[in-house]
């Protein structure tokens, strides 16, 4: 894979991680009890997504 393409992928993954972390912070704020379960599941999804993206970034950096 081209080095420029790898750098662009890494940058886009980092942007997505920042967005996800911002969303996770919003989802940890207090809310109505009826929404708590769904927000917890969504927060869990984004945490897993961030973990996957970080592993992809590490993999791409190792290839460079």
C-alpha atoms as a PDB file:
ATOM      1  CA  UNK A   1       0.000   0.000   0.000  1.00  0.00           C
ATOM      2  CA  UNK A   2       1.172   3.522  -0.747  1.00  0.00           C
ATOM      3  CA  UNK A   3       2.683   5.480   2.185  1.00  0.00           C
ATOM      4  CA  UNK A   4       0.520   8.535   1.446  1.00  0.00           C
ATOM      5  CA  UNK A   5      -2.581   6.394   1.487  1.00  0.00           C
ATOM      6  CA  UNK A   6      -1.550   4.862   4.808  1.00  0.00           C
ATOM      7  CA  UNK A   7      -0.998   8.316   6.302  1.00  0.00           C
ATOM      8  CA  UNK A   8      -4.424   9.441   5.097  1.00  0.00           C
ATOM      9  CA  UNK A   9      -6.032   6.334   6.579  1.00  0.00           C
ATOM     10  CA  UNK A  10      -4.292   6.940   9.901  1.00  0.00           C
ATOM     11  CA  UNK A  11      -5.444  10.577   9.940  1.00  0.00           C
ATOM     12  CA  UNK A  12      -9.035   9.621   9.134  1.00  0.00           C
ATOM     13  CA  UNK A  13      -9.018   6.933  11.848  1.00  0.00           C
ATOM     14  CA  UNK A  14      -7.685   9.477  14.362  1.00  0.00           C
ATOM     15  CA  UNK A  15     -10.445  11.938  13.411  1.00  0.00           C
ATOM     16  CA  UNK A  16     -13.048   9.221  13.849  1.00  0.00           C
ATOM     17  CA  UNK A  17     -11.578   8.325  17.245  1.00  0.00           C
ATOM     18  CA  UNK A  18     -11.847  11.955  18.370  1.00  0.00           C
ATOM     19  CA  UNK A  19     -15.481  12.106  17.254  1.00  0.00           C
ATOM     20  CA  UNK A  20     -16.263   8.825  18.997  1.00  0.00           C
ATOM     21  CA  UNK A  21     -14.594   9.934  22.231  1.00  0.00           C
ATOM     22  CA  UNK A  22     -16.603  13.155  22.178  1.00  0.00           C
ATOM     23  CA  UNK A  23     -19.775  11.135  21.696  1.00  0.00           C
ATOM     24  CA  UNK A  24     -18.780   8.783  24.528  1.00  0.00           C
ATOM     25  CA  UNK A  25     -18.378  11.788  26.841  1.00  0.00           C
ATOM     26  CA  UNK A  26     -21.864  13.002  25.901  1.00  0.00           C
ATOM     27  CA  UNK A  27     -23.308   9.561  26.535  1.00  0.00           C
ATOM     28  CA  UNK A  28     -21.793   9.401  30.023  1.00  0.00           C
ATOM     29  CA  UNK A  29     -23.672  12.506  31.143  1.00  0.00           C
ATOM     30  CA  UNK A  30     -26.710  12.003  33.378  1.00  0.00           C
ATOM     31  CA  UNK A  31     -29.951  11.315  31.542  1.00  0.00           C
ATOM     32  CA  UNK A  32     -33.527  10.188  31.988  1.00  0.00           C
ATOM     33  CA  UNK A  33     -33.655   6.728  33.515  1.00  0.00           C
ATOM     34  CA  UNK A  34     -35.621   5.301  30.586  1.00  0.00           C
ATOM     35  CA  UNK A  35     -32.733   6.159  28.219  1.00  0.00           C
ATOM     36  CA  UNK A  36     -29.937   4.887  30.435  1.00  0.00           C
ATOM     37  CA  UNK A  37     -29.846   1.334  29.065  1.00  0.00           C
ATOM     38  CA  UNK A  38     -29.772   2.328  25.410  1.00  0.00           C
ATOM     39  CA  UNK A  39     -27.140   4.988  26.077  1.00  0.00           C
ATOM     40  CA  UNK A  40     -24.982   2.447  27.894  1.00  0.00           C
ATOM     41  CA  UNK A  41     -25.183   0.077  24.928  1.00  0.00           C
ATOM     42  CA  UNK A  42     -24.326   2.852  22.487  1.00  0.00           C
ATOM     43  CA  UNK A  43     -21.409   3.937  24.673  1.00  0.00           C
ATOM     44  CA  UNK A  44     -20.168   0.341  24.743  1.00  0.00           C
ATOM     45  CA  UNK A  45     -20.391   0.165  20.935  1.00  0.00           C
ATOM     46  CA  UNK A  46     -18.311   3.317  20.518  1.00  0.00           C
ATOM     47  CA  UNK A  47     -15.704   2.136  23.025  1.00  0.00           C
ATOM     48  CA  UNK A  48     -15.287  -1.091  21.049  1.00  0.00           C
ATOM     49  CA  UNK A  49     -15.098   0.917  17.819  1.00  0.00           C
ATOM     50  CA  UNK A  50     -12.346   3.135  19.254  1.00  0.00           C
ATOM     51  CA  UNK A  51     -10.409   0.053  20.353  1.00  0.00           C
ATOM     52  CA  UNK A  52     -10.638  -1.445  16.834  1.00  0.00           C
ATOM     53  CA  UNK A  53      -9.562   1.811  15.210  1.00  0.00           C
ATOM     54  CA  UNK A  54      -6.565   2.112  17.506  1.00  0.00           C
ATOM     55  CA  UNK A  55      -5.492  -1.412  16.590  1.00  0.00           C
ATOM     56  CA  UNK A  56      -5.847  -0.556  12.883  1.00  0.00           C
ATOM     57  CA  UNK A  57      -3.713   2.546  13.368  1.00  0.00           C
ATOM     58  CA  UNK A  58      -1.057   0.509  15.157  1.00  0.00           C
ATOM     59  CA  UNK A  59      -1.093  -2.039  12.353  1.00  0.00           C
ATOM     60  CA  UNK A  60      -0.696   0.647   9.685  1.00  0.00           C
ATOM     61  CA  UNK A  61       2.109   2.356  11.593  1.00  0.00           C
ATOM     62  CA  UNK A  62       3.936  -0.964  11.911  1.00  0.00           C
ATOM     63  CA  UNK A  63       3.756  -1.413   8.136  1.00  0.00           C
ATOM     64  CA  UNK A  64       5.216   2.037   7.475  1.00  0.00           C
END
